[in-house]
Amino acid sequence: MPDPRKIALFIAILSGFLTPFDLSAVNIALPSIGEEFAMDAVSMGWVATAYLLASAAFLLPFGRIADIHGRKKIFVAGLSVFTIASFLTIFASSALMVILLRILQGIGASMIFGTAVAILTSVTPAKERGSVLGIYTTAVYIGLSCGPFIGGFLTQAFGWRSIFFINIPIGILAIALVLRFLDGEWADAKGETFDLEGAVLYGLTLVCIMYGFSLLPDAEGIILLIAGGLMMSVFISREQKIQNPLLDLSLWRRNRAFAFSNIAAFINYSATFSVTFFLSLYLQYNRGFDPWTAGTILVIQPVAQAVVSPFAGRLSDRAAPGTVASFGMGLTALALLALVFVSDGTVIPVIAGILILLGAGLGFFSSPNTNAVMSSVEKKNYGIASSTLGTMRLVGQTISMGIAMTIIALFIGRIQITTTQHVQLLISMQAAFGFFAILCIAGIFLSLVRCKPENPDS
């Protein structure tokens, strides 16, 4: 009988690769999808945004459901929903159908996000946790880096629908391995009630905030942000009064390691997710590279992350994870500062060096920060901790793109970007990187505030 811990790690690697691969591969295929269904830029944006919104809105509720009813059940259900949605997207006949199926994919992804790390943490001894989380994080980075290459090749050779076909055998394999080799359910909060009203309020709050941010600086965006803020206040007030809340705010009030590690993750993803977006435009519009060459340059960052992440995970088993993650945040801030000074005359080796520094910073941050979060809570809260961290990632990613769109709207306007706007594009890129660098520097201090995390189950 194979070691269940190794099987759990392999399953986590499959799921860790699958969802980010789908996200990055589909982004490459957006022009082809838009051309087939005559979609405008906003509609194409919703193909990606619908996935992120659904993932973020359902992540925390499904993490809580998994803690109550069993993480294995929710994990298998998530893989099934994601795989079925991928299969149906192959036969999508309209833009609306593609967007609706992307929402369904996002729901499945939220069930995977909210349980994969929790299951992996449940079966791994505390002293080995950093190492396996480092390996899992590497799988995520490999998925992100392979997406543009494999997605671009498949789209060009077989059409954009072939990207979704790739998800099917990976999903079926992961489901089969879970059902065959993993016996536990890991329902450490069994018997507690699920806060359905809180889940609905939470989902509506996220939709208003995330969609509103994408509409800035228009009045509709401001109105939605205000509505989201008001609903968030109601949600927080409500969660403090009920016995079994969707979001255990005591973790945020009494557990500094948990609170500041999640805040650090939110800041890190908010400051870095749109870097690839800006550099992709810069390399193609300002420097004249074709998409394949631009993708080859940009892949340097996730490759550097994949190389550094396992080492950083092992290091966080021997040193305080929060300290290692703060060091990674510092490297990330340095890279963002360096990107502020990139111009049309910057040689590619310099850009490559900055991307290596950025990848190393993210590698040193991500897996140790995940270790810090998961090591700061009791076993019964593994699902909620994992899904909370995933929510910070998804919300941060969406806000990062919201900031990027707002800056472009201010410097360029809501028009199609062409080579004639290369000066405005460069200025907007430099302004964005300057803002992100300041955000990341603030994140260093917030990251250092956290106390050394305890190991409740060691």
Protein backbone atom coordinates (compact mmCIF):
# COMPACT_ATOMS: atom_id res chain seq x y z
CA MET A 1 0.00 0.00 0.00
CA PRO A 2 1.51 3.36 -1.02
CA ASP A 3 2.26 5.90 1.70
CA PRO A 4 -0.93 8.03 2.07
CA ARG A 5 1.22 11.11 2.69
CA LYS A 6 3.00 10.70 -0.64
CA ILE A 7 -0.30 10.07 -2.41
CA ALA A 8 -1.81 13.16 -0.77
CA LEU A 9 1.20 15.20 -1.90
CA PHE A 10 0.91 13.90 -5.49
CA ILE A 11 -2.83 14.69 -5.55
CA ALA A 12 -2.12 18.17 -4.18
CA ILE A 13 0.52 18.65 -6.90
CA LEU A 14 -2.03 17.71 -9.59
CA SER A 15 -4.66 20.08 -8.21
CA GLY A 16 -2.04 22.77 -7.55
CA PHE A 17 -1.01 22.61 -11.20
CA LEU A 18 -4.51 22.31 -12.67
CA THR A 19 -6.26 25.51 -11.58
CA PRO A 20 -3.45 28.06 -12.18
CA PHE A 21 -2.64 26.37 -15.50
CA ASP A 22 -6.25 26.84 -16.59
CA LEU A 23 -6.24 30.49 -15.51
CA SER A 24 -3.03 31.46 -17.33
CA ALA A 25 -3.73 29.32 -20.42
CA VAL A 26 -7.21 30.78 -20.90
CA ASN A 27 -5.82 34.33 -20.65
CA ILE A 28 -3.61 33.59 -23.66
CA ALA A 29 -6.64 32.30 -25.57
CA LEU A 30 -8.88 35.32 -24.86
CA PRO A 31 -8.31 36.97 -28.29
CA SER A 32 -9.29 33.73 -30.05
CA ILE A 33 -12.38 33.30 -27.87
CA GLY A 34 -13.31 36.93 -28.46
CA GLU A 35 -12.88 36.62 -32.21
CA GLU A 36 -15.10 33.53 -32.45
CA PHE A 37 -17.96 35.09 -30.50
CA ALA A 38 -17.39 38.74 -31.56
CA MET A 39 -16.79 39.81 -27.95
CA ASP A 40 -15.71 43.31 -26.96
CA ALA A 41 -12.88 43.94 -24.51
CA VAL A 42 -15.19 44.07 -21.48
CA SER A 43 -16.82 40.75 -22.35
CA MET A 44 -13.42 39.12 -22.88
CA GLY A 45 -12.36 40.45 -19.50
CA TRP A 46 -15.33 38.71 -17.92
CA VAL A 47 -14.10 35.33 -19.18
CA ALA A 48 -11.22 35.73 -16.70
CA THR A 49 -12.99 37.84 -14.06
CA ALA A 50 -15.98 35.50 -13.72
CA TYR A 51 -13.61 32.68 -12.76
CA LEU A 52 -11.82 34.81 -10.13
CA LEU A 53 -15.06 36.20 -8.71
CA ALA A 54 -16.70 32.79 -8.33
CA SER A 55 -13.55 31.30 -6.81
CA ALA A 56 -13.25 34.09 -4.23
CA ALA A 57 -16.97 34.23 -3.35
CA PHE A 58 -17.28 30.48 -2.71
CA LEU A 59 -13.84 29.74 -1.27
CA LEU A 60 -14.50 30.59 2.38
CA PRO A 61 -17.98 28.96 2.52
CA PHE A 62 -16.70 25.70 1.04
CA GLY A 63 -13.71 25.74 3.39
CA ARG A 64 -16.15 25.90 6.31
CA ILE A 65 -18.40 23.19 4.82
CA ALA A 66 -15.30 21.00 4.39
CA ASP A 67 -14.37 21.43 8.06
CA ILE A 68 -17.88 20.35 9.06
CA HIS A 69 -18.72 17.57 6.58
CA GLY A 70 -15.30 16.34 5.42
CA ARG A 71 -12.50 17.80 3.33
CA LYS A 72 -12.23 14.73 1.12
CA LYS A 73 -15.89 14.99 0.06
CA ILE A 74 -15.60 18.65 -0.88
CA PHE A 75 -12.26 18.11 -2.62
CA VAL A 76 -13.68 15.32 -4.81
CA ALA A 77 -16.81 17.36 -5.50
CA GLY A 78 -14.66 20.33 -6.53
CA LEU A 79 -12.55 18.25 -8.88
CA SER A 80 -15.74 16.78 -10.39
CA VAL A 81 -17.39 20.19 -10.92
CA PHE A 82 -14.20 21.65 -12.41
CA THR A 83 -13.72 18.68 -14.75
CA ILE A 84 -17.37 18.62 -15.89
CA ALA A 85 -17.37 22.39 -16.49
CA SER A 86 -14.18 22.03 -18.55
CA PHE A 87 -15.81 19.30 -20.65
CA LEU A 88 -18.94 21.39 -21.26
CA THR A 89 -16.88 24.46 -22.24
CA ILE A 90 -15.49 22.49 -25.18
CA PHE A 91 -19.01 22.61 -26.65
CA ALA A 92 -19.86 26.22 -25.69
CA SER A 93 -21.87 27.92 -28.45
CA SER A 94 -22.00 31.52 -27.20
CA ALA A 95 -20.06 34.08 -25.19
CA LEU A 96 -22.65 33.93 -22.40
CA MET A 97 -22.27 30.16 -22.15
CA VAL A 98 -18.48 30.48 -21.90
CA ILE A 99 -18.80 33.02 -19.07
CA LEU A 100 -21.40 30.95 -17.19
CA LEU A 101 -19.24 27.83 -17.47
CA ARG A 102 -16.24 29.85 -16.25
CA ILE A 103 -18.33 30.70 -13.17
CA LEU A 104 -19.00 26.97 -12.70
CA GLN A 105 -15.28 26.29 -13.08
CA GLY A 106 -14.57 28.95 -10.47
CA ILE A 107 -16.97 27.28 -8.03
CA GLY A 108 -15.19 23.96 -8.55
CA ALA A 109 -11.82 25.66 -8.16
CA SER A 110 -12.95 27.22 -4.85
CA MET A 111 -13.75 23.73 -3.50
CA ILE A 112 -10.28 22.57 -4.56
CA PHE A 113 -8.49 25.65 -3.17
CA GLY A 114 -10.28 25.40 0.16
CA THR A 115 -9.36 21.77 0.81
CA ALA A 116 -6.14 20.78 -0.99
CA VAL A 117 -3.77 22.56 1.39
CA ALA A 118 -5.93 21.59 4.39
CA ILE A 119 -5.76 17.87 3.48
CA LEU A 120 -2.03 18.10 2.83
CA THR A 121 -1.51 19.80 6.20
CA SER A 122 -3.73 17.23 7.95
CA VAL A 123 -1.62 14.25 6.83
CA THR A 124 1.82 15.88 7.19
CA PRO A 125 3.74 16.12 10.50
CA ALA A 126 4.39 19.70 11.60
CA LYS A 127 8.18 19.35 11.20
CA GLU A 128 7.78 18.41 7.50
CA ARG A 129 4.98 20.84 6.65
CA GLY A 130 7.14 23.59 5.17
CA SER A 131 8.83 21.17 2.77
CA VAL A 132 5.62 19.71 1.35
CA LEU A 133 4.00 23.14 1.10
CA GLY A 134 7.08 24.28 -0.81
CA ILE A 135 6.61 21.39 -3.26
CA TYR A 136 2.89 22.22 -3.58
CA THR A 137 3.70 25.89 -4.23
CA THR A 138 6.19 24.81 -6.91
CA ALA A 139 3.38 22.92 -8.67
CA VAL A 140 1.30 26.10 -8.64
CA TYR A 141 4.15 28.09 -10.20
CA ILE A 142 4.76 25.40 -12.81
CA GLY A 143 1.07 25.56 -13.72
CA LEU A 144 1.28 29.34 -14.07
CA SER A 145 4.44 29.16 -16.19
CA CYS A 146 3.25 26.30 -18.43
CA GLY A 147 -0.12 27.93 -19.11
CA PRO A 148 1.03 30.55 -21.64
CA PHE A 149 3.32 28.09 -23.48
CA ILE A 150 1.00 25.10 -23.63
CA GLY A 151 -2.12 27.25 -23.98
CA GLY A 152 -0.58 29.25 -26.83
CA PHE A 153 0.51 26.10 -28.65
CA LEU A 154 -2.86 24.37 -28.22
CA THR A 155 -4.80 27.47 -29.29
CA GLN A 156 -2.68 27.89 -32.40
CA ALA A 157 -2.64 24.20 -33.36
CA PHE A 158 -6.07 22.93 -32.29
CA GLY A 159 -8.16 25.95 -31.27
CA TRP A 160 -8.94 27.46 -27.85
CA ARG A 161 -11.34 24.66 -26.88
CA SER A 162 -8.43 22.21 -26.67
CA ILE A 163 -7.17 24.02 -23.54
CA PHE A 164 -10.20 22.82 -21.59
CA PHE A 165 -9.72 19.27 -22.85
CA ILE A 166 -6.37 19.08 -21.00
CA ASN A 167 -8.19 19.57 -17.67
CA ILE A 168 -10.28 16.43 -18.12
CA PRO A 169 -7.67 13.61 -17.80
CA ILE A 170 -5.86 15.45 -14.97
CA GLY A 171 -9.13 15.90 -13.07
CA ILE A 172 -10.19 12.27 -13.58
CA LEU A 173 -6.77 11.00 -12.43
CA ALA A 174 -6.88 13.13 -9.27
CA ILE A 175 -10.43 11.96 -8.43
CA ALA A 176 -9.46 8.30 -8.93
CA LEU A 177 -6.40 8.63 -6.68
CA VAL A 178 -8.40 10.32 -3.91
CA LEU A 179 -11.13 7.67 -3.95
CA ARG A 180 -8.64 4.80 -4.11
CA PHE A 181 -5.95 5.80 -1.64
CA LEU A 182 -7.18 8.50 0.78
CA ASP A 183 -9.36 7.03 3.53
CA GLY A 184 -9.84 9.96 5.92
CA GLU A 185 -12.47 12.71 5.78
CA TRP A 186 -10.78 15.15 8.19
CA ALA A 187 -14.04 16.73 9.42
CA ASP A 188 -12.54 18.30 12.54
CA ALA A 189 -15.51 20.67 13.04
CA LYS A 190 -18.13 17.91 12.65
CA GLY A 191 -21.46 18.70 14.29
CA GLU A 192 -21.12 22.48 14.08
CA THR A 193 -23.65 24.48 12.05
CA PHE A 194 -23.05 26.23 8.75
CA ASP A 195 -23.78 29.98 8.53
CA LEU A 196 -25.77 30.13 5.27
CA GLU A 197 -26.95 33.74 5.71
CA GLY A 198 -23.38 34.84 6.40
CA ALA A 199 -22.19 32.98 3.30
CA VAL A 200 -24.71 34.81 1.08
CA LEU A 201 -23.81 38.18 2.59
CA TYR A 202 -20.11 37.42 2.23
CA GLY A 203 -20.49 36.47 -1.44
CA LEU A 204 -22.48 39.61 -2.27
CA THR A 205 -19.89 41.73 -0.45
CA LEU A 206 -17.04 40.32 -2.50
CA VAL A 207 -18.92 40.69 -5.78
CA CYS A 208 -19.66 44.38 -5.06
CA ILE A 209 -16.11 45.16 -3.96
CA MET A 210 -14.30 43.25 -6.69
CA TYR A 211 -16.63 44.31 -9.53
CA GLY A 212 -16.75 47.86 -8.24
CA PHE A 213 -12.98 48.06 -8.18
CA SER A 214 -12.85 46.96 -11.82
CA LEU A 215 -15.16 49.87 -12.78
CA LEU A 216 -13.12 52.64 -11.16
CA PRO A 217 -12.92 55.59 -11.61
CA ASP A 218 -16.53 55.57 -12.93
CA ALA A 219 -19.36 56.49 -10.53
CA GLU A 220 -20.79 52.96 -10.75
CA GLY A 221 -17.55 51.58 -9.34
CA ILE A 222 -17.61 54.03 -6.41
CA ILE A 223 -21.25 53.16 -5.63
CA LEU A 224 -20.53 49.43 -5.67
CA LEU A 225 -17.46 49.88 -3.45
CA ILE A 226 -19.52 51.83 -0.90
CA ALA A 227 -22.25 49.17 -0.99
CA GLY A 228 -19.63 46.46 -0.56
CA GLY A 229 -18.06 48.29 2.36
CA LEU A 230 -21.44 48.65 4.09
CA MET A 231 -22.24 44.96 3.59
CA MET A 232 -18.79 44.03 4.89
CA SER A 233 -19.50 46.00 8.08
CA VAL A 234 -22.82 44.18 8.51
CA PHE A 235 -21.12 40.84 7.84
CA ILE A 236 -18.35 41.45 10.40
CA SER A 237 -20.87 42.63 13.02
CA ARG A 238 -23.04 39.56 12.41
CA GLU A 239 -20.17 37.08 12.55
CA GLN A 240 -19.19 38.29 16.02
CA LYS A 241 -22.65 37.51 17.41
CA ILE A 242 -23.33 33.95 16.23
CA GLN A 243 -22.02 30.73 17.75
CA ASN A 244 -20.59 29.06 14.63
CA PRO A 245 -19.64 31.87 12.25
CA LEU A 246 -18.52 31.45 8.66
CA LEU A 247 -15.45 33.54 9.49
CA ASP A 248 -14.02 32.99 12.98
CA LEU A 249 -12.95 36.55 13.74
CA SER A 250 -11.30 35.38 16.95
CA LEU A 251 -8.55 34.00 14.71
CA TRP A 252 -7.95 37.55 13.48
CA ARG A 253 -8.27 39.22 16.90
CA ARG A 254 -6.31 36.77 19.05
CA ASN A 255 -3.94 35.10 16.60
CA ARG A 256 -1.44 37.66 15.34
CA ALA A 257 0.44 35.13 13.21
CA PHE A 258 -2.77 34.15 11.39
CA ALA A 259 -3.97 37.74 10.95
CA PHE A 260 -0.75 39.31 9.75
CA SER A 261 0.22 36.35 7.56
CA ASN A 262 -3.09 36.69 5.70
CA ILE A 263 -2.71 40.48 5.45
CA ALA A 264 0.81 39.95 4.10
CA ALA A 265 -0.54 37.53 1.46
CA PHE A 266 -3.21 40.03 0.43
CA ILE A 267 -0.64 42.82 0.05
CA ASN A 268 1.82 40.58 -1.81
CA TYR A 269 -0.69 39.45 -4.43
CA SER A 270 -2.16 42.95 -4.75
CA ALA A 271 1.32 44.30 -5.48
CA THR A 272 2.53 41.63 -7.90
CA PHE A 273 -0.27 39.93 -9.84
CA SER A 274 -0.57 42.60 -12.58
CA VAL A 275 3.21 42.80 -13.16
CA THR A 276 2.96 40.20 -15.91
CA PHE A 277 0.03 42.08 -17.46
CA PHE A 278 2.00 45.33 -17.71
CA LEU A 279 5.22 43.70 -18.90
CA SER A 280 3.35 41.71 -21.54
CA LEU A 281 1.96 44.95 -23.00
CA TYR A 282 5.33 46.70 -22.68
CA LEU A 283 7.28 43.93 -24.41
CA GLN A 284 4.83 43.75 -27.32
CA TYR A 285 3.77 47.38 -27.82
CA ASN A 286 6.91 49.24 -26.70
CA ARG A 287 9.62 46.77 -27.68
CA GLY A 288 7.94 45.13 -30.67
CA PHE A 289 8.33 41.49 -29.58
CA ASP A 290 5.88 38.86 -30.79
CA PRO A 291 3.71 37.09 -28.16
CA TRP A 292 5.86 33.94 -28.15
CA THR A 293 9.07 35.91 -27.48
CA ALA A 294 7.36 38.04 -24.84
CA GLY A 295 6.09 34.89 -23.14
CA THR A 296 9.58 33.39 -23.20
CA ILE A 297 10.93 36.44 -21.35
CA LEU A 298 8.09 36.52 -18.83
CA VAL A 299 8.41 32.81 -17.98
CA ILE A 300 11.68 33.66 -16.20
CA GLN A 301 9.73 34.86 -13.16
CA PRO A 302 7.66 31.70 -12.42
CA VAL A 303 10.68 29.49 -13.18
CA ALA A 304 12.67 31.40 -10.56
CA GLN A 305 9.75 30.96 -8.15
CA ALA A 306 9.62 27.23 -8.82
CA VAL A 307 13.37 26.87 -8.16
CA VAL A 308 13.36 28.90 -4.93
CA SER A 309 10.08 27.74 -3.39
CA PRO A 310 11.12 24.22 -2.22
CA PHE A 311 14.28 25.60 -0.60
CA ALA A 312 12.24 28.35 1.09
CA GLY A 313 9.74 25.78 2.34
CA ARG A 314 12.50 23.67 3.92
CA LEU A 315 14.06 26.79 5.41
CA SER A 316 10.73 27.70 7.04
CA ASP A 317 10.80 24.32 8.85
CA ARG A 318 14.06 25.34 10.55
CA ALA A 319 13.57 29.11 10.95
CA ALA A 320 10.48 31.15 11.82
CA PRO A 321 8.24 31.05 8.70
CA GLY A 322 7.20 34.66 9.21
CA THR A 323 10.81 35.82 9.13
CA VAL A 324 11.53 33.94 5.89
CA ALA A 325 8.34 35.30 4.30
CA SER A 326 9.26 38.86 5.33
CA PHE A 327 12.64 38.43 3.64
CA GLY A 328 10.80 37.37 0.48
CA MET A 329 8.57 40.43 0.71
CA GLY A 330 11.72 42.58 0.89
CA LEU A 331 13.16 41.03 -2.29
CA THR A 332 9.81 41.57 -4.01
CA ALA A 333 9.82 45.26 -3.04
CA LEU A 334 13.35 45.67 -4.45
CA ALA A 335 12.28 44.10 -7.75
CA LEU A 336 9.24 46.38 -8.00
CA LEU A 337 11.41 49.43 -7.32
CA ALA A 338 13.79 48.32 -10.08
CA LEU A 339 10.86 47.96 -12.51
CA VAL A 340 9.97 51.63 -11.96
CA PHE A 341 13.14 52.57 -13.87
CA VAL A 342 12.54 50.28 -16.86
CA SER A 343 12.35 52.31 -20.08
CA ASP A 344 12.16 51.68 -23.81
CA GLY A 345 15.96 51.45 -23.86
CA THR A 346 16.38 48.93 -21.05
CA VAL A 347 18.27 45.87 -22.30
CA ILE A 348 16.56 42.50 -21.97
CA PRO A 349 19.25 40.95 -19.68
CA VAL A 350 18.46 43.68 -17.12
CA ILE A 351 14.75 42.92 -17.34
CA ALA A 352 15.54 39.21 -16.98
CA GLY A 353 17.61 39.92 -13.86
CA ILE A 354 14.74 41.89 -12.32
CA LEU A 355 12.33 39.05 -13.10
CA ILE A 356 14.69 36.58 -11.42
CA LEU A 357 14.79 38.82 -8.32
CA LEU A 358 10.99 39.11 -8.35
CA GLY A 359 10.58 35.34 -8.75
CA ALA A 360 13.01 34.69 -5.89
CA GLY A 361 11.14 37.15 -3.68
CA LEU A 362 7.79 35.49 -4.40
CA GLY A 363 9.37 32.05 -3.87
CA PHE A 364 10.75 33.04 -0.47
CA PHE A 365 7.40 34.57 0.49
CA SER A 366 4.68 32.16 -0.64
CA SER A 367 5.41 28.74 0.86
CA PRO A 368 6.82 30.07 4.21
CA ASN A 369 3.81 32.39 4.52
CA THR A 370 1.47 29.45 3.89
CA ASN A 371 3.39 27.48 6.51
CA ALA A 372 2.98 30.39 8.95
CA VAL A 373 -0.79 30.46 8.42
CA MET A 374 -1.38 26.71 8.66
CA SER A 375 0.94 26.31 11.67
CA SER A 376 -0.87 29.02 13.60
CA VAL A 377 -4.26 27.26 13.88
CA GLU A 378 -5.70 24.08 15.35
CA LYS A 379 -6.51 21.08 13.19
CA LYS A 380 -10.25 21.79 13.19
CA ASN A 381 -9.56 25.14 11.50
CA TYR A 382 -7.28 23.86 8.72
CA GLY A 383 -10.03 24.17 6.10
CA ILE A 384 -11.04 27.68 7.11
CA ALA A 385 -7.38 28.75 7.35
CA SER A 386 -6.60 27.35 3.91
CA SER A 387 -9.66 28.95 2.33
CA THR A 388 -9.04 32.28 4.08
CA LEU A 389 -5.51 32.36 2.68
CA GLY A 390 -6.84 31.43 -0.76
CA THR A 391 -9.39 34.23 -0.52
CA MET A 392 -6.63 36.72 0.29
CA ARG A 393 -4.81 35.52 -2.84
CA LEU A 394 -7.81 35.77 -5.16
CA VAL A 395 -9.05 39.10 -3.84
CA GLY A 396 -5.51 40.47 -3.99
CA GLN A 397 -5.14 39.30 -7.61
CA THR A 398 -8.40 40.93 -8.63
CA ILE A 399 -7.62 44.20 -6.84
CA SER A 400 -4.17 44.22 -8.49
CA MET A 401 -5.86 44.11 -11.88
CA GLY A 402 -8.37 46.72 -10.72
CA ILE A 403 -5.51 49.06 -9.80
CA ALA A 404 -3.86 48.36 -13.17
CA MET A 405 -7.06 49.15 -15.08
CA THR A 406 -7.64 52.33 -13.07
CA ILE A 407 -4.11 53.60 -13.76
CA ILE A 408 -4.40 52.80 -17.47
CA ALA A 409 -7.76 54.58 -17.60
CA LEU A 410 -6.21 57.66 -15.99
CA PHE A 411 -3.10 57.81 -18.21
CA ILE A 412 -4.38 56.35 -21.49
CA GLY A 413 -8.18 56.29 -21.32
CA ARG A 414 -10.71 53.55 -22.06
CA ILE A 415 -9.58 52.90 -25.62
CA GLN A 416 -7.90 50.03 -27.38
CA ILE A 417 -4.16 50.10 -26.69
CA THR A 418 -1.94 50.32 -29.78
CA THR A 419 1.70 51.15 -30.47
CA THR A 420 0.77 54.85 -30.76
CA GLN A 421 0.16 54.97 -27.00
CA HIS A 422 3.56 53.50 -26.10
CA VAL A 423 4.70 56.62 -24.19
CA GLN A 424 1.51 56.75 -22.10
CA LEU A 425 1.74 52.99 -21.56
CA LEU A 426 5.29 53.31 -20.24
CA ILE A 427 4.29 56.14 -17.89
CA SER A 428 1.29 54.20 -16.58
CA MET A 429 3.45 51.09 -16.08
CA GLN A 430 6.07 53.06 -14.12
CA ALA A 431 3.36 54.71 -12.00
CA ALA A 432 1.80 51.33 -11.24
CA PHE A 433 5.11 49.73 -10.27
CA GLY A 434 5.89 52.72 -8.03
CA PHE A 435 2.55 52.31 -6.25
CA PHE A 436 3.05 48.55 -5.94
CA ALA A 437 6.57 49.04 -4.53
CA ILE A 438 5.25 51.37 -1.82
CA LEU A 439 2.49 48.86 -1.04
CA CYS A 440 5.03 46.05 -0.75
CA ILE A 441 7.35 48.11 1.50
CA ALA A 442 4.41 48.66 3.85
CA GLY A 443 3.80 44.92 3.65
CA ILE A 444 7.32 44.21 4.96
CA PHE A 445 6.58 46.01 8.22
CA LEU A 446 3.16 44.38 8.58
CA SER A 447 4.74 41.00 7.86
CA LEU A 448 7.36 41.52 10.59
CA VAL A 449 4.67 42.35 13.16
CA ARG A 450 3.49 38.75 13.31
CA CYS A 451 4.71 36.72 16.24
CA LYS A 452 6.47 33.41 15.82
CA PRO A 453 3.66 30.97 14.96
CA GLU A 454 2.85 28.19 17.33
CA ASN A 455 2.49 24.55 16.28
CA PRO A 456 -0.75 23.48 17.93
CA ASP A 457 -0.53 19.84 16.81
CA SER A 458 3.17 19.24 17.20
